Amino acid sequence: FTEINHGAWLPRYGITQRVVRWIIGNPLYAITMIRHDITAGLF
């Protein structure tokens, strides 16, 4: 779905390690949980 590239701004603070946070999923997987507890949508 999307990427948050922490590695793009971390060098400003002396951290040169590359690091990305990816948001991934599948709504067909999500519904198998959310139908049993709507708050599963938080994760």
PDB file of all heavy atoms in Angstrom:
ATOM      1  N   PHE A   1       0.811  -1.212   0.000  1.00  0.00           N
ATOM      2  CA  PHE A   1       0.000   0.000   0.000  1.00  0.00           C
ATOM      3  C   PHE A   1       0.846   1.264   0.000  1.00  0.00           C
ATOM      4  O   PHE A   1       0.638   2.153  -0.798  1.00  0.00           O
ATOM      5  CB  PHE A   1      -0.951   0.032   1.204  1.00  0.00           C
ATOM      6  CG  PHE A   1      -2.071  -0.967   1.105  1.00  0.00           C
ATOM      7  CD1 PHE A   1      -2.208  -1.961   2.054  1.00  0.00           C
ATOM      8  CD2 PHE A   1      -2.994  -0.917   0.082  1.00  0.00           C
ATOM      9  CE1 PHE A   1      -3.235  -2.883   1.984  1.00  0.00           C
ATOM     10  CE2 PHE A   1      -4.038  -1.833  -0.009  1.00  0.00           C
ATOM     11  CZ  PHE A   1      -4.154  -2.822   0.946  1.00  0.00           C
ATOM     12  N   THR A   2       1.800   1.355   0.927  1.00  0.00           N
ATOM     13  CA  THR A   2       2.603   2.580   0.989  1.00  0.00           C
ATOM     14  C   THR A   2       3.894   2.341   1.760  1.00  0.00           C
ATOM     15  O   THR A   2       4.027   1.358   2.487  1.00  0.00           O
ATOM     16  CB  THR A   2       1.801   3.740   1.617  1.00  0.00           C
ATOM     17  OG1 THR A   2       2.466   4.975   1.352  1.00  0.00           O
ATOM     18  CG2 THR A   2       1.632   3.574   3.110  1.00  0.00           C
ATOM     19  N   GLU A   3       4.807   3.268   1.571  1.00  0.00           N
ATOM     20  CA  GLU A   3       6.101   3.216   2.247  1.00  0.00           C
ATOM     21  C   GLU A   3       6.338   4.520   2.996  1.00  0.00           C
ATOM     22  O   GLU A   3       6.066   5.602   2.468  1.00  0.00           O
ATOM     23  CB  GLU A   3       7.212   3.024   1.208  1.00  0.00           C
ATOM     24  CG  GLU A   3       8.615   3.081   1.796  1.00  0.00           C
ATOM     25  CD  GLU A   3       9.691   2.943   0.741  1.00  0.00           C
ATOM     26  OE1 GLU A   3       9.942   1.808   0.309  1.00  0.00           O
ATOM     27  OE2 GLU A   3      10.256   3.978   0.332  1.00  0.00           O
ATOM     28  N   ILE A   4       6.827   4.386   4.201  1.00  0.00           N
ATOM     29  CA  ILE A   4       7.313   5.532   4.967  1.00  0.00           C
ATOM     30  C   ILE A   4       8.829   5.359   5.026  1.00  0.00           C
ATOM     31  O   ILE A   4       9.323   4.391   5.609  1.00  0.00           O
ATOM     32  CB  ILE A   4       6.701   5.565   6.381  1.00  0.00           C
ATOM     33  CG1 ILE A   4       5.181   5.675   6.277  1.00  0.00           C
ATOM     34  CG2 ILE A   4       7.308   6.707   7.199  1.00  0.00           C
ATOM     35  CD1 ILE A   4       4.449   5.414   7.573  1.00  0.00           C
ATOM     36  N   ASN A   5       9.546   6.253   4.384  1.00  0.00           N
ATOM     37  CA  ASN A   5      10.997   6.128   4.281  1.00  0.00           C
ATOM     38  C   ASN A   5      11.674   6.926   5.400  1.00  0.00           C
ATOM     39  O   ASN A   5      12.024   8.091   5.230  1.00  0.00           O
ATOM     40  CB  ASN A   5      11.469   6.599   2.911  1.00  0.00           C
ATOM     41  CG  ASN A   5      12.955   6.389   2.709  1.00  0.00           C
ATOM     42  OD1 ASN A   5      13.663   5.968   3.611  1.00  0.00           O
ATOM     43  ND2 ASN A   5      13.420   6.700   1.518  1.00  0.00           N
ATOM     44  N   HIS A   6      11.856   6.270   6.546  1.00  0.00           N
ATOM     45  CA  HIS A   6      12.548   6.931   7.656  1.00  0.00           C
ATOM     46  C   HIS A   6      13.993   7.240   7.286  1.00  0.00           C
ATOM     47  O   HIS A   6      14.572   8.208   7.788  1.00  0.00           O
ATOM     48  CB  HIS A   6      12.521   6.049   8.905  1.00  0.00           C
ATOM     49  CG  HIS A   6      11.171   5.883   9.510  1.00  0.00           C
ATOM     50  ND1 HIS A   6      10.368   6.938   9.875  1.00  0.00           N
ATOM     51  CD2 HIS A   6      10.473   4.767   9.821  1.00  0.00           C
ATOM     52  CE1 HIS A   6       9.231   6.484  10.392  1.00  0.00           C
ATOM     53  NE2 HIS A   6       9.262   5.167  10.355  1.00  0.00           N
ATOM     54  N   GLY A   7      14.581   6.421   6.430  1.00  0.00           N
ATOM     55  CA  GLY A   7      15.971   6.617   6.019  1.00  0.00           C
ATOM     56  C   GLY A   7      16.199   7.916   5.279  1.00  0.00           C
ATOM     57  O   GLY A   7      17.331   8.378   5.162  1.00  0.00           O
ATOM     58  N   ALA A   8      15.153   8.542   4.778  1.00  0.00           N
ATOM     59  CA  ALA A   8      15.293   9.804   4.059  1.00  0.00           C
ATOM     60  C   ALA A   8      15.565  10.975   4.995  1.00  0.00           C
ATOM     61  O   ALA A   8      16.239  11.933   4.612  1.00  0.00           O
ATOM     62  CB  ALA A   8      14.040  10.079   3.226  1.00  0.00           C
ATOM     63  N   TRP A   9      15.056  10.913   6.215  1.00  0.00           N
ATOM     64  CA  TRP A   9      15.239  12.039   7.131  1.00  0.00           C
ATOM     65  C   TRP A   9      16.195  11.749   8.287  1.00  0.00           C
ATOM     66  O   TRP A   9      16.696  12.669   8.933  1.00  0.00           O
ATOM     67  CB  TRP A   9      13.892  12.532   7.665  1.00  0.00           C
ATOM     68  CG  TRP A   9      13.113  11.530   8.457  1.00  0.00           C
ATOM     69  CD1 TRP A   9      12.182  10.657   7.981  1.00  0.00           C
ATOM     70  CD2 TRP A   9      13.190  11.282   9.862  1.00  0.00           C
ATOM     71  NE1 TRP A   9      11.670   9.878   8.998  1.00  0.00           N
ATOM     72  CE2 TRP A   9      12.283  10.247  10.169  1.00  0.00           C
ATOM     73  CE3 TRP A   9      13.948  11.833  10.902  1.00  0.00           C
ATOM     74  CZ2 TRP A   9      12.103   9.754  11.450  1.00  0.00           C
ATOM     75  CZ3 TRP A   9      13.761  11.338  12.185  1.00  0.00           C
ATOM     76  CH2 TRP A   9      12.852  10.311  12.447  1.00  0.00           C
ATOM     77  N   LEU A  10      16.466  10.477   8.549  1.00  0.00           N
ATOM     78  CA  LEU A  10      17.355  10.128   9.665  1.00  0.00           C
ATOM     79  C   LEU A  10      18.775  10.681   9.539  1.00  0.00           C
ATOM     80  O   LEU A  10      19.394  11.020  10.560  1.00  0.00           O
ATOM     81  CB  LEU A  10      17.386   8.609   9.854  1.00  0.00           C
ATOM     82  CG  LEU A  10      16.131   7.998  10.478  1.00  0.00           C
ATOM     83  CD1 LEU A  10      16.212   6.482  10.460  1.00  0.00           C
ATOM     84  CD2 LEU A  10      15.894   8.521  11.880  1.00  0.00           C
ATOM     85  N   PRO A  11      19.347  10.801   8.321  1.00  0.00           N
ATOM     86  CA  PRO A  11      20.698  11.366   8.228  1.00  0.00           C
ATOM     87  C   PRO A  11      20.819  12.763   8.837  1.00  0.00           C
ATOM     88  O   PRO A  11      21.896  13.159   9.289  1.00  0.00           O
ATOM     89  CB  PRO A  11      20.974  11.379   6.720  1.00  0.00           C
ATOM     90  CG  PRO A  11      20.161  10.235   6.200  1.00  0.00           C
ATOM     91  CD  PRO A  11      18.892  10.282   7.031  1.00  0.00           C
ATOM     92  N   ARG A  12      19.724  13.493   8.886  1.00  0.00           N
ATOM     93  CA  ARG A  12      19.735  14.820   9.521  1.00  0.00           C
ATOM     94  C   ARG A  12      20.196  14.709  10.978  1.00  0.00           C
ATOM     95  O   ARG A  12      20.731  15.637  11.547  1.00  0.00           O
ATOM     96  CB  ARG A  12      18.328  15.419   9.443  1.00  0.00           C
ATOM     97  CG  ARG A  12      18.119  16.707  10.192  1.00  0.00           C
ATOM     98  CD  ARG A  12      18.825  17.922   9.631  1.00  0.00           C
ATOM     99  NE  ARG A  12      18.509  18.081   8.229  1.00  0.00           N
ATOM    100  CZ  ARG A  12      19.343  18.618   7.336  1.00  0.00           C
ATOM    101  NH1 ARG A  12      20.519  19.035   7.701  1.00  0.00           N
ATOM    102  NH2 ARG A  12      19.002  18.727   6.084  1.00  0.00           N
ATOM    103  N   TYR A  13      19.992  13.534  11.575  1.00  0.00           N
ATOM    104  CA  TYR A  13      20.345  13.300  12.967  1.00  0.00           C
ATOM    105  C   TYR A  13      21.537  12.353  13.110  1.00  0.00           C
ATOM    106  O   TYR A  13      21.744  11.757  14.159  1.00  0.00           O
ATOM    107  CB  TYR A  13      19.123  12.755  13.724  1.00  0.00           C
ATOM    108  CG  TYR A  13      18.018  13.788  13.750  1.00  0.00           C
ATOM    109  CD1 TYR A  13      17.046  13.800  12.758  1.00  0.00           C
ATOM    110  CD2 TYR A  13      17.979  14.769  14.730  1.00  0.00           C
ATOM    111  CE1 TYR A  13      16.051  14.766  12.753  1.00  0.00           C
ATOM    112  CE2 TYR A  13      16.994  15.737  14.725  1.00  0.00           C
ATOM    113  CZ  TYR A  13      16.036  15.727  13.738  1.00  0.00           C
ATOM    114  OH  TYR A  13      15.056  16.688  13.727  1.00  0.00           O
ATOM    115  N   GLY A  14      22.281  12.189  12.019  1.00  0.00           N
ATOM    116  CA  GLY A  14      23.495  11.387  12.071  1.00  0.00           C
ATOM    117  C   GLY A  14      23.272   9.883  11.938  1.00  0.00           C
ATOM    118  O   GLY A  14      24.202   9.100  12.140  1.00  0.00           O
ATOM    119  N   ILE A  15      22.071   9.460  11.603  1.00  0.00           N
ATOM    120  CA  ILE A  15      21.775   8.031  11.440  1.00  0.00           C
ATOM    121  C   ILE A  15      21.708   7.749   9.945  1.00  0.00           C
ATOM    122  O   ILE A  15      20.811   8.228   9.255  1.00  0.00           O
ATOM    123  CB  ILE A  15      20.452   7.655  12.120  1.00  0.00           C
ATOM    124  CG1 ILE A  15      20.513   7.974  13.615  1.00  0.00           C
ATOM    125  CG2 ILE A  15      20.137   6.172  11.888  1.00  0.00           C
ATOM    126  CD1 ILE A  15      19.179   7.867  14.328  1.00  0.00           C
ATOM    127  N   THR A  16      22.661   6.974   9.456  1.00  0.00           N
ATOM    128  CA  THR A  16      22.742   6.728   8.011  1.00  0.00           C
ATOM    129  C   THR A  16      22.183   5.369   7.605  1.00  0.00           C
ATOM    130  O   THR A  16      22.180   5.031   6.432  1.00  0.00           O
ATOM    131  CB  THR A  16      24.198   6.842   7.532  1.00  0.00           C
ATOM    132  OG1 THR A  16      24.996   5.905   8.266  1.00  0.00           O
ATOM    133  CG2 THR A  16      24.722   8.252   7.744  1.00  0.00           C
ATOM    134  N   GLN A  17      21.703   4.616   8.549  1.00  0.00           N
ATOM    135  CA  GLN A  17      21.116   3.307   8.292  1.00  0.00           C
ATOM    136  C   GLN A  17      19.855   3.465   7.443  1.00  0.00           C
ATOM    137  O   GLN A  17      19.009   4.312   7.727  1.00  0.00           O
ATOM    138  CB  GLN A  17      20.776   2.667   9.640  1.00  0.00           C
ATOM    139  CG  GLN A  17      20.273   1.280   9.597  1.00  0.00           C
ATOM    140  CD  GLN A  17      20.075   0.740  11.013  1.00  0.00           C
ATOM    141  OE1 GLN A  17      20.125   1.471  11.997  1.00  0.00           O
ATOM    142  NE2 GLN A  17      19.839  -0.549  11.108  1.00  0.00           N
ATOM    143  N   ARG A  18      19.728   2.645   6.412  1.00  0.00           N
ATOM    144  CA  ARG A  18      18.522   2.701   5.595  1.00  0.00           C
ATOM    145  C   ARG A  18      17.406   1.949   6.317  1.00  0.00           C
ATOM    146  O   ARG A  18      17.611   0.860   6.845  1.00  0.00           O
ATOM    147  CB  ARG A  18      18.782   2.104   4.218  1.00  0.00           C
ATOM    148  CG  ARG A  18      19.779   2.966   3.445  1.00  0.00           C
ATOM    149  CD  ARG A  18      19.894   2.579   2.001  1.00  0.00           C
ATOM    150  NE  ARG A  18      20.499   1.271   1.849  1.00  0.00           N
ATOM    151  CZ  ARG A  18      20.568   0.610   0.703  1.00  0.00           C
ATOM    152  NH1 ARG A  18      20.048   1.129  -0.398  1.00  0.00           N
ATOM    153  NH2 ARG A  18      21.143  -0.562   0.640  1.00  0.00           N
ATOM    154  N   VAL A  19      16.228   2.556   6.319  1.00  0.00           N
ATOM    155  CA  VAL A  19      15.084   1.959   7.013  1.00  0.00           C
ATOM    156  C   VAL A  19      13.787   2.460   6.386  1.00  0.00           C
ATOM    157  O   VAL A  19      13.621   3.656   6.164  1.00  0.00           O
ATOM    158  CB  VAL A  19      15.128   2.255   8.538  1.00  0.00           C
ATOM    159  CG1 VAL A  19      15.220   3.748   8.813  1.00  0.00           C
ATOM    160  CG2 VAL A  19      13.936   1.665   9.257  1.00  0.00           C
ATOM    161  N   VAL A  20      12.912   1.497   6.073  1.00  0.00           N
ATOM    162  CA  VAL A  20      11.596   1.826   5.537  1.00  0.00           C
ATOM    163  C   VAL A  20      10.535   1.069   6.315  1.00  0.00           C
ATOM    164  O   VAL A  20      10.765  -0.041   6.804  1.00  0.00           O
ATOM    165  CB  VAL A  20      11.463   1.512   4.022  1.00  0.00           C
ATOM    166  CG1 VAL A  20      12.365   2.409   3.201  1.00  0.00           C
ATOM    167  CG2 VAL A  20      11.715   0.048   3.732  1.00  0.00           C
ATOM    168  N   ARG A  21       9.403   1.685   6.419  1.00  0.00           N
ATOM    169  CA  ARG A  21       8.230   1.054   7.030  1.00  0.00           C
ATOM    170  C   ARG A  21       7.217   0.861   5.921  1.00  0.00           C
ATOM    171  O   ARG A  21       6.838   1.827   5.250  1.00  0.00           O
ATOM    172  CB  ARG A  21       7.686   1.970   8.118  1.00  0.00           C
ATOM    173  CG  ARG A  21       6.470   1.449   8.830  1.00  0.00           C
ATOM    174  CD  ARG A  21       6.124   2.417   9.927  1.00  0.00           C
ATOM    175  NE  ARG A  21       4.801   2.220  10.422  1.00  0.00           N
ATOM    176  CZ  ARG A  21       4.143   3.113  11.141  1.00  0.00           C
ATOM    177  NH1 ARG A  21       4.716   4.269  11.444  1.00  0.00           N
ATOM    178  NH2 ARG A  21       2.944   2.853  11.564  1.00  0.00           N
ATOM    179  N   TRP A  22       6.817  -0.381   5.723  1.00  0.00           N
ATOM    180  CA  TRP A  22       5.866  -0.709   4.672  1.00  0.00           C
ATOM    181  C   TRP A  22       4.521  -1.057   5.274  1.00  0.00           C
ATOM    182  O   TRP A  22       4.446  -1.809   6.248  1.00  0.00           O
ATOM    183  CB  TRP A  22       6.352  -1.895   3.856  1.00  0.00           C
ATOM    184  CG  TRP A  22       7.359  -1.564   2.801  1.00  0.00           C
ATOM    185  CD1 TRP A  22       8.046  -0.394   2.640  1.00  0.00           C
ATOM    186  CD2 TRP A  22       7.796  -2.425   1.751  1.00  0.00           C
ATOM    187  NE1 TRP A  22       8.877  -0.481   1.558  1.00  0.00           N
ATOM    188  CE2 TRP A  22       8.744  -1.718   1.003  1.00  0.00           C
ATOM    189  CE3 TRP A  22       7.483  -3.727   1.394  1.00  0.00           C
ATOM    190  CZ2 TRP A  22       9.374  -2.273  -0.109  1.00  0.00           C
ATOM    191  CZ3 TRP A  22       8.114  -4.273   0.288  1.00  0.00           C
ATOM    192  CH2 TRP A  22       9.046  -3.546  -0.454  1.00  0.00           C
ATOM    193  N   ILE A  23       3.475  -0.542   4.669  1.00  0.00           N
ATOM    194  CA  ILE A  23       2.114  -0.914   5.013  1.00  0.00           C
ATOM    195  C   ILE A  23       1.657  -1.872   3.908  1.00  0.00           C
ATOM    196  O   ILE A  23       1.641  -1.505   2.727  1.00  0.00           O
ATOM    197  CB  ILE A  23       1.170   0.311   5.075  1.00  0.00           C
ATOM    198  CG1 ILE A  23       1.779   1.453   5.887  1.00  0.00           C
ATOM    199  CG2 ILE A  23      -0.210  -0.120   5.576  1.00  0.00           C
ATOM    200  CD1 ILE A  23       2.107   1.150   7.306  1.00  0.00           C
ATOM    201  N   ILE A  24       1.335  -3.107   4.304  1.00  0.00           N
ATOM    202  CA  ILE A  24       0.953  -4.132   3.343  1.00  0.00           C
ATOM    203  C   ILE A  24      -0.303  -4.838   3.841  1.00  0.00           C
ATOM    204  O   ILE A  24      -0.616  -4.799   5.034  1.00  0.00           O
ATOM    205  CB  ILE A  24       2.085  -5.164   3.111  1.00  0.00           C
ATOM    206  CG1 ILE A  24       2.347  -5.981   4.380  1.00  0.00           C
ATOM    207  CG2 ILE A  24       3.356  -4.463   2.646  1.00  0.00           C
ATOM    208  CD1 ILE A  24       3.263  -7.168   4.176  1.00  0.00           C
ATOM    209  N   GLY A  25      -0.998  -5.481   2.949  1.00  0.00           N
ATOM    210  CA  GLY A  25      -2.173  -6.215   3.392  1.00  0.00           C
ATOM    211  C   GLY A  25      -2.954  -6.780   2.246  1.00  0.00           C
ATOM    212  O   GLY A  25      -2.467  -6.883   1.116  1.00  0.00           O
ATOM    213  N   ASN A  26      -4.187  -7.093   2.543  1.00  0.00           N
ATOM    214  CA  ASN A  26      -5.124  -7.612   1.567  1.00  0.00           C
ATOM    215  C   ASN A  26      -6.501  -7.489   2.216  1.00  0.00           C
ATOM    216  O   ASN A  26      -6.733  -8.061   3.286  1.00  0.00           O
ATOM    217  CB  ASN A  26      -4.801  -9.083   1.254  1.00  0.00           C
ATOM    218  CG  ASN A  26      -5.721  -9.696   0.237  1.00  0.00           C
ATOM    219  OD1 ASN A  26      -6.880  -9.332   0.119  1.00  0.00           O
ATOM    220  ND2 ASN A  26      -5.204 -10.674  -0.497  1.00  0.00           N
ATOM    221  N   PRO A  27      -7.425  -6.747   1.604  1.00  0.00           N
ATOM    222  CA  PRO A  27      -8.744  -6.595   2.224  1.00  0.00           C
ATOM    223  C   PRO A  27      -9.473  -7.932   2.382  1.00  0.00           C
ATOM    224  O   PRO A  27     -10.317  -8.073   3.261  1.00  0.00           O
ATOM    225  CB  PRO A  27      -9.490  -5.649   1.283  1.00  0.00           C
ATOM    226  CG  PRO A  27      -8.766  -5.736  -0.016  1.00  0.00           C
ATOM    227  CD  PRO A  27      -7.334  -6.035   0.328  1.00  0.00           C
ATOM    228  N   LEU A  28      -9.125  -8.898   1.550  1.00  0.00           N
ATOM    229  CA  LEU A  28      -9.758 -10.211   1.658  1.00  0.00           C
ATOM    230  C   LEU A  28      -9.244 -10.965   2.881  1.00  0.00           C
ATOM    231  O   LEU A  28      -9.950 -11.823   3.420  1.00  0.00           O
ATOM    232  CB  LEU A  28      -9.545 -11.019   0.379  1.00  0.00           C
ATOM    233  CG  LEU A  28      -9.972 -10.298  -0.908  1.00  0.00           C
ATOM    234  CD1 LEU A  28      -9.685 -11.165  -2.122  1.00  0.00           C
ATOM    235  CD2 LEU A  28     -11.427  -9.865  -0.847  1.00  0.00           C
ATOM    236  N   TYR A  29      -8.031 -10.661   3.326  1.00  0.00           N
ATOM    237  CA  TYR A  29      -7.531 -11.190   4.601  1.00  0.00           C
ATOM    238  C   TYR A  29      -8.157 -10.399   5.753  1.00  0.00           C
ATOM    239  O   TYR A  29      -8.580 -10.968   6.754  1.00  0.00           O
ATOM    240  CB  TYR A  29      -6.013 -11.063   4.711  1.00  0.00           C
ATOM    241  CG  TYR A  29      -5.197 -11.914   3.767  1.00  0.00           C
ATOM    242  CD1 TYR A  29      -3.843 -11.679   3.635  1.00  0.00           C
ATOM    243  CD2 TYR A  29      -5.754 -12.940   3.023  1.00  0.00           C
ATOM    244  CE1 TYR A  29      -3.052 -12.446   2.796  1.00  0.00           C
ATOM    245  CE2 TYR A  29      -4.982 -13.710   2.169  1.00  0.00           C
ATOM    246  CZ  TYR A  29      -3.625 -13.461   2.057  1.00  0.00           C
ATOM    247  OH  TYR A  29      -2.846 -14.216   1.221  1.00  0.00           O
ATOM    248  N   ALA A  30      -8.189  -9.081   5.605  1.00  0.00           N
ATOM    249  CA  ALA A  30      -8.685  -8.218   6.688  1.00  0.00           C
ATOM    250  C   ALA A  30     -10.120  -8.564   7.077  1.00  0.00           C
ATOM    251  O   ALA A  30     -10.454  -8.610   8.262  1.00  0.00           O
ATOM    252  CB  ALA A  30      -8.580  -6.753   6.276  1.00  0.00           C
ATOM    253  N   ILE A  31     -10.964  -8.831   6.093  1.00  0.00           N
ATOM    254  CA  ILE A  31     -12.364  -9.097   6.404  1.00  0.00           C
ATOM    255  C   ILE A  31     -12.524 -10.370   7.227  1.00  0.00           C
ATOM    256  O   ILE A  31     -13.466 -10.478   8.022  1.00  0.00           O
ATOM    257  CB  ILE A  31     -13.245  -9.138   5.125  1.00  0.00           C
ATOM    258  CG1 ILE A  31     -14.737  -9.140   5.498  1.00  0.00           C
ATOM    259  CG2 ILE A  31     -12.916 -10.330   4.249  1.00  0.00           C
ATOM    260  CD1 ILE A  31     -15.206  -7.978   6.326  1.00  0.00           C
ATOM    261  N   THR A  32     -11.604 -11.326   7.083  1.00  0.00           N
ATOM    262  CA  THR A  32     -11.721 -12.559   7.860  1.00  0.00           C
ATOM    263  C   THR A  32     -11.594 -12.288   9.353  1.00  0.00           C
ATOM    264  O   THR A  32     -12.064 -13.082  10.164  1.00  0.00           O
ATOM    265  CB  THR A  32     -10.668 -13.613   7.443  1.00  0.00           C
ATOM    266  OG1 THR A  32      -9.356 -13.162   7.794  1.00  0.00           O
ATOM    267  CG2 THR A  32     -10.749 -13.926   5.964  1.00  0.00           C
ATOM    268  N   MET A  33     -10.981 -11.163   9.722  1.00  0.00           N
ATOM    269  CA  MET A  33     -10.834 -10.798  11.129  1.00  0.00           C
ATOM    270  C   MET A  33     -11.839  -9.729  11.551  1.00  0.00           C
ATOM    271  O   MET A  33     -12.475  -9.850  12.582  1.00  0.00           O
ATOM    272  CB  MET A  33      -9.401 -10.336  11.386  1.00  0.00           C
ATOM    273  CG  MET A  33      -8.424 -11.489  11.256  1.00  0.00           C
ATOM    274  SD  MET A  33      -6.745 -10.981  10.936  1.00  0.00           S
ATOM    275  CE  MET A  33      -6.843 -10.483   9.247  1.00  0.00           C
ATOM    276  N   ILE A  34     -11.964  -8.704  10.712  1.00  0.00           N
ATOM    277  CA  ILE A  34     -12.827  -7.575  11.066  1.00  0.00           C
ATOM    278  C   ILE A  34     -14.279  -8.014  11.230  1.00  0.00           C
ATOM    279  O   ILE A  34     -14.998  -7.457  12.057  1.00  0.00           O
ATOM    280  CB  ILE A  34     -12.675  -6.448  10.030  1.00  0.00           C
ATOM    281  CG1 ILE A  34     -11.253  -5.857  10.129  1.00  0.00           C
ATOM    282  CG2 ILE A  34     -13.727  -5.377  10.213  1.00  0.00           C
ATOM    283  CD1 ILE A  34     -10.912  -4.864   9.027  1.00  0.00           C
ATOM    284  N   ARG A  35     -14.705  -9.039  10.511  1.00  0.00           N
ATOM    285  CA  ARG A  35     -16.098  -9.507  10.663  1.00  0.00           C
ATOM    286  C   ARG A  35     -16.336 -10.086  12.054  1.00  0.00           C
ATOM    287  O   ARG A  35     -17.474 -10.173  12.491  1.00  0.00           O
ATOM    288  CB  ARG A  35     -16.469 -10.504   9.568  1.00  0.00           C
ATOM    289  CG  ARG A  35     -15.806 -11.846   9.693  1.00  0.00           C
ATOM    290  CD  ARG A  35     -16.323 -12.945   8.734  1.00  0.00           C
ATOM    291  NE  ARG A  35     -16.968 -12.491   7.544  1.00  0.00           N
ATOM    292  CZ  ARG A  35     -16.573 -12.754   6.300  1.00  0.00           C
ATOM    293  NH1 ARG A  35     -15.517 -13.499   6.102  1.00  0.00           N
ATOM    294  NH2 ARG A  35     -17.238 -12.292   5.272  1.00  0.00           N
ATOM    295  N   HIS A  36     -15.277 -10.477  12.757  1.00  0.00           N
ATOM    296  CA  HIS A  36     -15.422 -11.041  14.102  1.00  0.00           C
ATOM    297  C   HIS A  36     -15.172 -10.018  15.208  1.00  0.00           C
ATOM    298  O   HIS A  36     -15.570 -10.236  16.348  1.00  0.00           O
ATOM    299  CB  HIS A  36     -14.484 -12.239  14.286  1.00  0.00           C
ATOM    300  CG  HIS A  36     -14.727 -13.317  13.293  1.00  0.00           C
ATOM    301  ND1 HIS A  36     -15.929 -14.011  13.218  1.00  0.00           N
ATOM    302  CD2 HIS A  36     -13.956 -13.790  12.287  1.00  0.00           C
ATOM    303  CE1 HIS A  36     -15.864 -14.884  12.234  1.00  0.00           C
ATOM    304  NE2 HIS A  36     -14.690 -14.764  11.647  1.00  0.00           N
ATOM    305  N   ASP A  37     -14.503  -8.920  14.857  1.00  0.00           N
ATOM    306  CA  ASP A  37     -14.263  -7.829  15.813  1.00  0.00           C
ATOM    307  C   ASP A  37     -13.837  -6.621  15.003  1.00  0.00           C
ATOM    308  O   ASP A  37     -12.734  -6.589  14.449  1.00  0.00           O
ATOM    309  CB  ASP A  37     -13.179  -8.214  16.829  1.00  0.00           C
ATOM    310  CG  ASP A  37     -12.929  -7.135  17.867  1.00  0.00           C
ATOM    311  OD1 ASP A  37     -13.417  -5.991  17.715  1.00  0.00           O
ATOM    312  OD2 ASP A  37     -12.214  -7.426  18.846  1.00  0.00           O
ATOM    313  N   ILE A  38     -14.703  -5.637  14.941  1.00  0.00           N
ATOM    314  CA  ILE A  38     -14.436  -4.450  14.128  1.00  0.00           C
ATOM    315  C   ILE A  38     -13.137  -3.763  14.540  1.00  0.00           C
ATOM    316  O   ILE A  38     -12.458  -3.158  13.723  1.00  0.00           O
ATOM    317  CB  ILE A  38     -15.647  -3.486  14.150  1.00  0.00           C
ATOM    318  CG1 ILE A  38     -15.582  -2.496  12.993  1.00  0.00           C
ATOM    319  CG2 ILE A  38     -15.743  -2.756  15.485  1.00  0.00           C
ATOM    320  CD1 ILE A  38     -15.923  -3.089  11.670  1.00  0.00           C
ATOM    321  N   THR A  39     -12.742  -3.893  15.817  1.00  0.00           N
ATOM    322  CA  THR A  39     -11.517  -3.230  16.272  1.00  0.00           C
ATOM    323  C   THR A  39     -10.254  -3.900  15.746  1.00  0.00           C
ATOM    324  O   THR A  39      -9.171  -3.325  15.856  1.00  0.00           O
ATOM    325  CB  THR A  39     -11.451  -3.132  17.818  1.00  0.00           C
ATOM    326  OG1 THR A  39     -11.350  -4.438  18.372  1.00  0.00           O
ATOM    327  CG2 THR A  39     -12.660  -2.397  18.364  1.00  0.00           C
ATOM    328  N   ALA A  40     -10.375  -5.069  15.123  1.00  0.00           N
ATOM    329  CA  ALA A  40      -9.217  -5.681  14.459  1.00  0.00           C
ATOM    330  C   ALA A  40      -8.719  -4.777  13.337  1.00  0.00           C
ATOM    331  O   ALA A  40      -7.551  -4.846  12.951  1.00  0.00           O
ATOM    332  CB  ALA A  40      -9.573  -7.064  13.927  1.00  0.00           C
ATOM    333  N   GLY A  41      -9.586  -3.895  12.847  1.00  0.00           N
ATOM    334  CA  GLY A  41      -9.198  -2.944  11.815  1.00  0.00           C
ATOM    335  C   GLY A  41      -8.127  -1.969  12.264  1.00  0.00           C
ATOM    336  O   GLY A  41      -7.485  -1.331  11.425  1.00  0.00           O
ATOM    337  N   LEU A  42      -7.917  -1.859  13.561  1.00  0.00           N
ATOM    338  CA  LEU A  42      -6.830  -1.009  14.055  1.00  0.00           C
ATOM    339  C   LEU A  42      -5.472  -1.549  13.630  1.00  0.00           C
ATOM    340  O   LEU A  42      -4.511  -0.789  13.481  1.00  0.00           O
ATOM    341  CB  LEU A  42      -6.899  -0.914  15.587  1.00  0.00           C
ATOM    342  CG  LEU A  42      -5.907  -0.012  16.288  1.00  0.00           C
ATOM    343  CD1 LEU A  42      -6.046   1.436  15.805  1.00  0.00           C
ATOM    344  CD2 LEU A  42      -6.113  -0.087  17.793  1.00  0.00           C
ATOM    345  N   PHE A  43      -5.380  -2.849  13.378  1.00  0.00           N
ATOM    346  CA  PHE A  43      -4.100  -3.469  13.034  1.00  0.00           C
ATOM    347  C   PHE A  43      -4.122  -4.145  11.669  1.00  0.00           C
ATOM    348  O   PHE A  43      -3.286  -5.002  11.383  1.00  0.00           O
ATOM    349  CB  PHE A  43      -3.689  -4.444  14.138  1.00  0.00           C
ATOM    350  CG  PHE A  43      -3.521  -3.748  15.455  1.00  0.00           C
ATOM    351  CD1 PHE A  43      -4.442  -3.927  16.473  1.00  0.00           C
ATOM    352  CD2 PHE A  43      -2.475  -2.874  15.668  1.00  0.00           C
ATOM    353  CE1 PHE A  43      -4.307  -3.273  17.680  1.00  0.00           C
ATOM    354  CE2 PHE A  43      -2.323  -2.205  16.870  1.00  0.00           C
ATOM    355  CZ  PHE A  43      -3.240  -2.402  17.886  1.00  0.00           C
TER     356      PHE A  43
END
